[in-house]
């Protein structure tokens, strides 16, 4: 796992597979590139898959909280792409993939995105979602702003984890989430705004790459609305729901996700 200087930061990356086409994987908050291992291994004959640890995650350099976290992820992703690529993203990482596609549509061959948490897309399309969303989201924000890291971590995983109760998680994992929970806060502003104008004319509507959006039936209620907004905006996108999965579906349901992705790629 080499660490190289990219976009001003020391970034760790991994490579899986020796397939003829390149794919770039961008992981979720509080995770790392290795979270895609099972999924990527099942696609390794088709692609050479590269993934990197976002700042503050995995073995990459700590995030300094100077600047926009999504901008940093995008700048790092750009350093890996020298030819048209297949993008694979999960959660916050999927929003970075969307940013890349909007900026460089000619460099994107396809996208497989697992629950991109681009809340702006849904909230701007249906303002009636604001009240129920804020009711669920605000306690996490309040805990984070009050410096209650453990409470914020517990609240975050209750909505965006794999369904395991907080007290049933290994102590070391809980400690890691508590330590890194400010990174989730760093990602909050960019997913609630659209500074890159992705939802405007000339944004994602110019991305014609085939796109498969996957979400779990047991996921946060906002994901259905985010996917609907993205399918409305992206010219060549489709939505697929995994009946028994939640937000962490590329990890918890890697085999099923890989099978669906492989069928999607075969149809291109």
Protein backbone atom coordinates (compact mmCIF):
# COMPACT_ATOMS: atom_id res chain seq x y z
CA UNK A 1 0.00 0.00 0.00
CA UNK A 2 2.05 2.95 -1.25
CA UNK A 3 1.80 6.41 0.27
CA UNK A 4 2.37 9.20 -2.26
CA UNK A 5 2.06 12.98 -2.14
CA UNK A 6 -1.14 13.99 -3.91
CA UNK A 7 -2.94 17.34 -3.94
CA UNK A 8 -0.66 18.51 -1.13
CA UNK A 9 -1.31 15.53 1.14
CA UNK A 10 0.30 12.14 1.81
CA UNK A 11 -2.28 9.66 0.57
CA UNK A 12 -2.38 5.89 0.85
CA UNK A 13 -3.75 3.82 -2.03
CA UNK A 14 -4.38 0.20 -2.91
CA UNK A 15 -4.71 -1.67 -6.20
CA UNK A 16 -6.79 -4.81 -6.72
CA UNK A 17 -7.00 -6.81 -9.94
CA UNK A 18 -5.29 -6.82 -13.29
CA UNK A 19 -8.25 -6.29 -15.60
CA UNK A 20 -7.86 -4.36 -18.86
CA UNK A 21 -9.79 -1.24 -17.80
CA UNK A 22 -9.15 1.15 -14.89
CA UNK A 23 -11.62 1.74 -12.09
CA UNK A 24 -11.33 4.23 -9.23
CA UNK A 25 -12.97 3.48 -5.87
CA UNK A 26 -13.82 6.20 -3.32
CA UNK A 27 -14.88 5.00 0.11
CA UNK A 28 -17.34 6.30 2.70
CA UNK A 29 -16.70 8.45 5.77
CA UNK A 30 -15.06 6.65 8.73
CA UNK A 31 -13.94 3.84 6.44
CA UNK A 32 -10.97 3.30 4.10
CA UNK A 33 -10.15 1.91 0.67
CA UNK A 34 -9.95 -1.63 2.02
CA UNK A 35 -13.71 -1.57 2.60
CA UNK A 36 -14.07 -2.31 -1.12
CA UNK A 37 -11.81 -5.40 -1.01
CA UNK A 38 -14.49 -8.08 -1.30
CA UNK A 39 -16.40 -6.18 -3.97
CA UNK A 40 -13.26 -5.34 -5.94
CA UNK A 41 -11.91 -8.88 -5.80
CA UNK A 42 -15.03 -10.10 -7.57
CA UNK A 43 -14.45 -7.53 -10.33
CA UNK A 44 -10.70 -8.03 -10.56
CA UNK A 45 -10.76 -9.87 -13.91
CA UNK A 46 -12.67 -7.02 -15.48
CA UNK A 47 -10.79 -4.04 -13.98
CA UNK A 48 -7.60 -2.87 -12.39
CA UNK A 49 -9.17 -1.16 -9.40
CA UNK A 50 -7.45 1.60 -7.46
CA UNK A 51 -8.73 2.97 -4.19
CA UNK A 52 -7.34 5.64 -1.88
CA UNK A 53 -7.84 6.54 1.75
CA UNK A 54 -9.43 9.95 2.15
CA UNK A 55 -7.49 12.35 4.42
CA UNK A 56 -7.79 11.34 8.05
CA UNK A 57 -8.80 7.82 7.07
CA UNK A 58 -6.83 4.60 6.85
CA UNK A 59 -3.12 5.27 6.40
CA UNK A 60 -3.48 8.68 4.75
CA UNK A 61 -2.35 11.92 6.33
CA UNK A 62 -4.59 13.46 8.99
CA UNK A 63 -7.05 16.06 7.77
CA UNK A 64 -6.10 19.57 8.85
CA UNK A 65 -9.69 20.90 8.64
CA UNK A 66 -8.33 23.71 6.46
CA UNK A 67 -10.42 23.98 3.32
CA UNK A 68 -13.34 21.96 2.02
CA UNK A 69 -13.16 18.20 2.64
CA UNK A 70 -15.04 17.27 -0.53
CA UNK A 71 -12.81 19.57 -2.59
CA UNK A 72 -9.79 17.75 -1.16
CA UNK A 73 -11.25 14.36 -2.08
CA UNK A 74 -11.92 15.57 -5.61
CA UNK A 75 -8.40 16.98 -6.00
CA UNK A 76 -6.91 13.67 -4.84
CA UNK A 77 -9.15 11.66 -7.18
CA UNK A 78 -8.01 13.77 -10.12
CA UNK A 79 -4.40 12.71 -9.56
CA UNK A 80 -5.29 9.06 -10.19
CA UNK A 81 -7.05 9.53 -13.52
CA UNK A 82 -5.03 9.69 -16.73
CA UNK A 83 -7.60 8.08 -19.04
CA UNK A 84 -11.36 7.40 -19.05
CA UNK A 85 -12.24 5.47 -15.93
CA UNK A 86 -15.06 3.56 -14.25
CA UNK A 87 -16.03 5.21 -10.95
CA UNK A 88 -17.17 3.29 -7.89
CA UNK A 89 -18.19 5.26 -4.82
CA UNK A 90 -19.93 4.77 -1.50
CA UNK A 91 -21.75 7.36 0.62
CA UNK A 92 -19.56 10.49 0.96
CA UNK A 93 -17.11 8.96 -1.51
CA UNK A 94 -19.91 8.67 -4.02
CA UNK A 95 -20.50 12.43 -3.74
CA UNK A 96 -16.82 12.92 -4.61
CA UNK A 97 -17.36 10.66 -7.63
CA UNK A 98 -20.32 12.82 -8.69
CA UNK A 99 -18.15 15.92 -8.38
CA UNK A 100 -15.53 14.30 -10.60
CA UNK A 101 -18.13 13.27 -13.19
CA UNK A 102 -19.64 16.75 -13.30
CA UNK A 103 -16.21 18.30 -13.80
CA UNK A 104 -14.80 15.72 -16.21
CA UNK A 105 -17.73 13.96 -17.95
CA UNK A 106 -15.46 12.94 -20.82
CA UNK A 107 -13.29 10.93 -18.42
CA UNK A 108 -16.08 8.81 -16.96
CA UNK A 109 -16.96 5.51 -18.65
CA UNK A 110 -19.49 4.42 -16.04
CA UNK A 111 -20.47 4.92 -12.41
CA UNK A 112 -21.59 2.44 -9.76
CA UNK A 113 -22.59 4.49 -6.73
CA UNK A 114 -23.79 3.16 -3.41
CA UNK A 115 -26.03 5.63 -1.59
CA UNK A 116 -24.36 8.99 -2.38
CA UNK A 117 -25.30 11.24 0.55
CA UNK A 118 -25.92 14.29 -1.60
CA UNK A 119 -28.76 15.62 0.55
CA UNK A 120 -29.01 18.86 -1.41
CA UNK A 121 -30.24 16.95 -4.46
CA UNK A 122 -33.31 15.64 -2.64
CA UNK A 123 -34.00 18.64 -0.41
CA UNK A 124 -33.88 21.13 -3.28
CA UNK A 125 -36.22 19.00 -5.37
CA UNK A 126 -38.72 18.40 -2.54
CA UNK A 127 -38.60 21.06 0.21
CA UNK A 128 -41.20 19.12 2.20
CA UNK A 129 -38.41 16.71 3.12
CA UNK A 130 -36.59 19.38 5.12
CA UNK A 131 -38.64 19.04 8.31
CA UNK A 132 -38.45 15.25 8.72
CA UNK A 133 -34.81 15.24 7.69
CA UNK A 134 -33.84 17.94 10.18
CA UNK A 135 -35.73 16.09 12.91
CA UNK A 136 -33.44 13.10 12.39
CA UNK A 137 -30.23 14.96 11.54
CA UNK A 138 -30.15 17.78 14.09
CA UNK A 139 -29.36 15.69 17.22
CA UNK A 140 -26.15 14.51 15.55
CA UNK A 141 -25.18 18.07 14.60
CA UNK A 142 -25.95 19.30 18.11
CA UNK A 143 -23.80 16.58 19.70
CA UNK A 144 -20.94 17.29 17.32
CA UNK A 145 -21.05 21.04 17.95
CA UNK A 146 -21.18 20.44 21.71
CA UNK A 147 -18.04 18.32 21.55
CA UNK A 148 -19.94 15.18 22.57
CA UNK A 149 -17.94 12.92 20.28
CA UNK A 150 -19.18 9.61 21.65
CA UNK A 151 -22.80 10.68 21.47
CA UNK A 152 -22.30 11.98 17.93
CA UNK A 153 -20.62 8.73 16.91
CA UNK A 154 -23.44 6.63 18.34
CA UNK A 155 -26.08 8.74 16.62
CA UNK A 156 -24.23 8.65 13.31
CA UNK A 157 -23.87 4.88 13.26
CA UNK A 158 -27.49 4.39 14.26
CA UNK A 159 -28.44 6.00 10.93
CA UNK A 160 -25.49 5.09 8.73
CA UNK A 161 -23.90 1.97 10.22
CA UNK A 162 -24.47 -1.71 9.50
CA UNK A 163 -27.27 -2.10 12.04
CA UNK A 164 -25.09 -3.28 14.92
CA UNK A 165 -26.01 -1.66 18.24
CA UNK A 166 -23.40 0.75 19.60
CA UNK A 167 -22.69 -1.30 22.74
CA UNK A 168 -22.26 -4.46 20.67
CA UNK A 169 -19.47 -2.96 18.56
CA UNK A 170 -15.86 -3.85 19.45
CA UNK A 171 -14.33 -1.32 21.83
CA UNK A 172 -11.43 -0.58 19.47
CA UNK A 173 -13.85 0.16 16.63
CA UNK A 174 -15.92 2.47 18.83
CA UNK A 175 -12.77 4.32 19.86
CA UNK A 176 -11.79 4.74 16.21
CA UNK A 177 -15.21 6.13 15.28
CA UNK A 178 -15.17 8.55 18.23
CA UNK A 179 -11.72 9.79 17.20
CA UNK A 180 -12.72 10.31 13.57
CA UNK A 181 -16.28 11.58 13.98
CA UNK A 182 -15.17 15.21 13.34
CA UNK A 183 -14.37 14.07 9.79
CA UNK A 184 -18.07 13.43 9.27
CA UNK A 185 -18.69 16.98 10.41
CA UNK A 186 -16.16 18.17 7.81
CA UNK A 187 -18.24 16.47 5.14
CA UNK A 188 -21.58 17.90 6.27
CA UNK A 189 -21.43 21.34 4.55
CA UNK A 190 -20.58 20.15 1.02
CA UNK A 191 -23.33 17.51 0.88
CA UNK A 192 -25.95 20.05 1.96
CA UNK A 193 -24.95 22.61 -0.68
CA UNK A 194 -24.24 22.58 -4.39
CA UNK A 195 -21.32 24.95 -4.82
CA UNK A 196 -20.25 23.05 -7.93
CA UNK A 197 -23.73 23.50 -9.48
CA UNK A 198 -24.08 19.79 -10.15
CA UNK A 199 -27.88 19.94 -10.14
CA UNK A 200 -28.00 22.98 -12.43
CA UNK A 201 -27.97 22.96 -16.22
CA UNK A 202 -24.51 22.06 -17.43
CA UNK A 203 -23.79 19.93 -14.35
CA UNK A 204 -24.71 16.29 -13.93
CA UNK A 205 -27.17 16.55 -16.81
CA UNK A 206 -24.10 16.53 -19.07
CA UNK A 207 -22.85 13.22 -17.65
CA UNK A 208 -24.03 10.57 -20.12
CA UNK A 209 -21.99 7.72 -18.64
CA UNK A 210 -24.18 4.73 -17.69
CA UNK A 211 -24.81 4.92 -13.96
CA UNK A 212 -26.09 2.32 -11.52
CA UNK A 213 -27.27 3.64 -8.16
CA UNK A 214 -27.61 0.96 -5.47
CA UNK A 215 -29.30 1.40 -2.10
CA UNK A 216 -30.58 -0.78 0.70
CA UNK A 217 -34.27 -1.13 1.47
CA UNK A 218 -33.44 -0.69 5.17
CA UNK A 219 -31.42 2.49 4.63
CA UNK A 220 -32.11 6.05 5.79
CA UNK A 221 -35.38 7.33 4.33
CA UNK A 222 -33.55 10.12 2.48
CA UNK A 223 -31.71 7.73 0.17
CA UNK A 224 -34.82 6.95 -1.88
CA UNK A 225 -35.29 10.67 -2.52
CA UNK A 226 -31.62 11.33 -3.27
CA UNK A 227 -31.56 8.51 -5.80
CA UNK A 228 -34.77 9.78 -7.39
CA UNK A 229 -33.30 13.26 -7.77
CA UNK A 230 -30.10 11.90 -9.28
CA UNK A 231 -31.97 9.61 -11.68
CA UNK A 232 -34.02 12.64 -12.76
CA UNK A 233 -30.83 14.66 -13.41
CA UNK A 234 -28.40 12.09 -14.79
CA UNK A 235 -29.43 11.17 -18.36
CA UNK A 236 -28.43 7.50 -18.13
CA UNK A 237 -28.95 6.43 -14.52
CA UNK A 238 -30.99 3.68 -12.91
CA UNK A 239 -31.85 2.85 -9.34
CA UNK A 240 -31.64 -0.60 -7.73
CA UNK A 241 -32.82 -1.54 -4.24
CA UNK A 242 -31.37 -4.49 -2.31
CA UNK A 243 -34.22 -5.85 -0.25
CA UNK A 244 -32.34 -6.95 2.87
CA UNK A 245 -29.54 -4.36 2.94
CA UNK A 246 -28.79 -1.06 4.66
CA UNK A 247 -26.41 1.81 4.04
CA UNK A 248 -23.26 -0.33 4.27
CA UNK A 249 -24.38 -2.62 1.44
CA UNK A 250 -21.07 -2.74 -0.53
CA UNK A 251 -19.49 -4.15 2.65
CA UNK A 252 -22.28 -6.22 4.19
CA UNK A 253 -23.66 -7.44 0.84
CA UNK A 254 -20.50 -7.37 -1.27
CA UNK A 255 -21.35 -10.54 -3.20
CA UNK A 256 -24.82 -9.36 -4.17
CA UNK A 257 -23.51 -5.91 -5.08
CA UNK A 258 -20.70 -7.40 -7.17
CA UNK A 259 -23.17 -9.62 -9.03
CA UNK A 260 -25.39 -6.66 -9.85
CA UNK A 261 -22.40 -4.53 -10.82
CA UNK A 262 -21.01 -7.27 -13.06
CA UNK A 263 -24.34 -7.58 -14.88
CA UNK A 264 -24.42 -3.79 -15.25
CA UNK A 265 -20.90 -3.72 -16.71
CA UNK A 266 -21.74 -6.58 -19.08
CA UNK A 267 -24.60 -4.49 -20.47
CA UNK A 268 -22.39 -1.54 -21.39
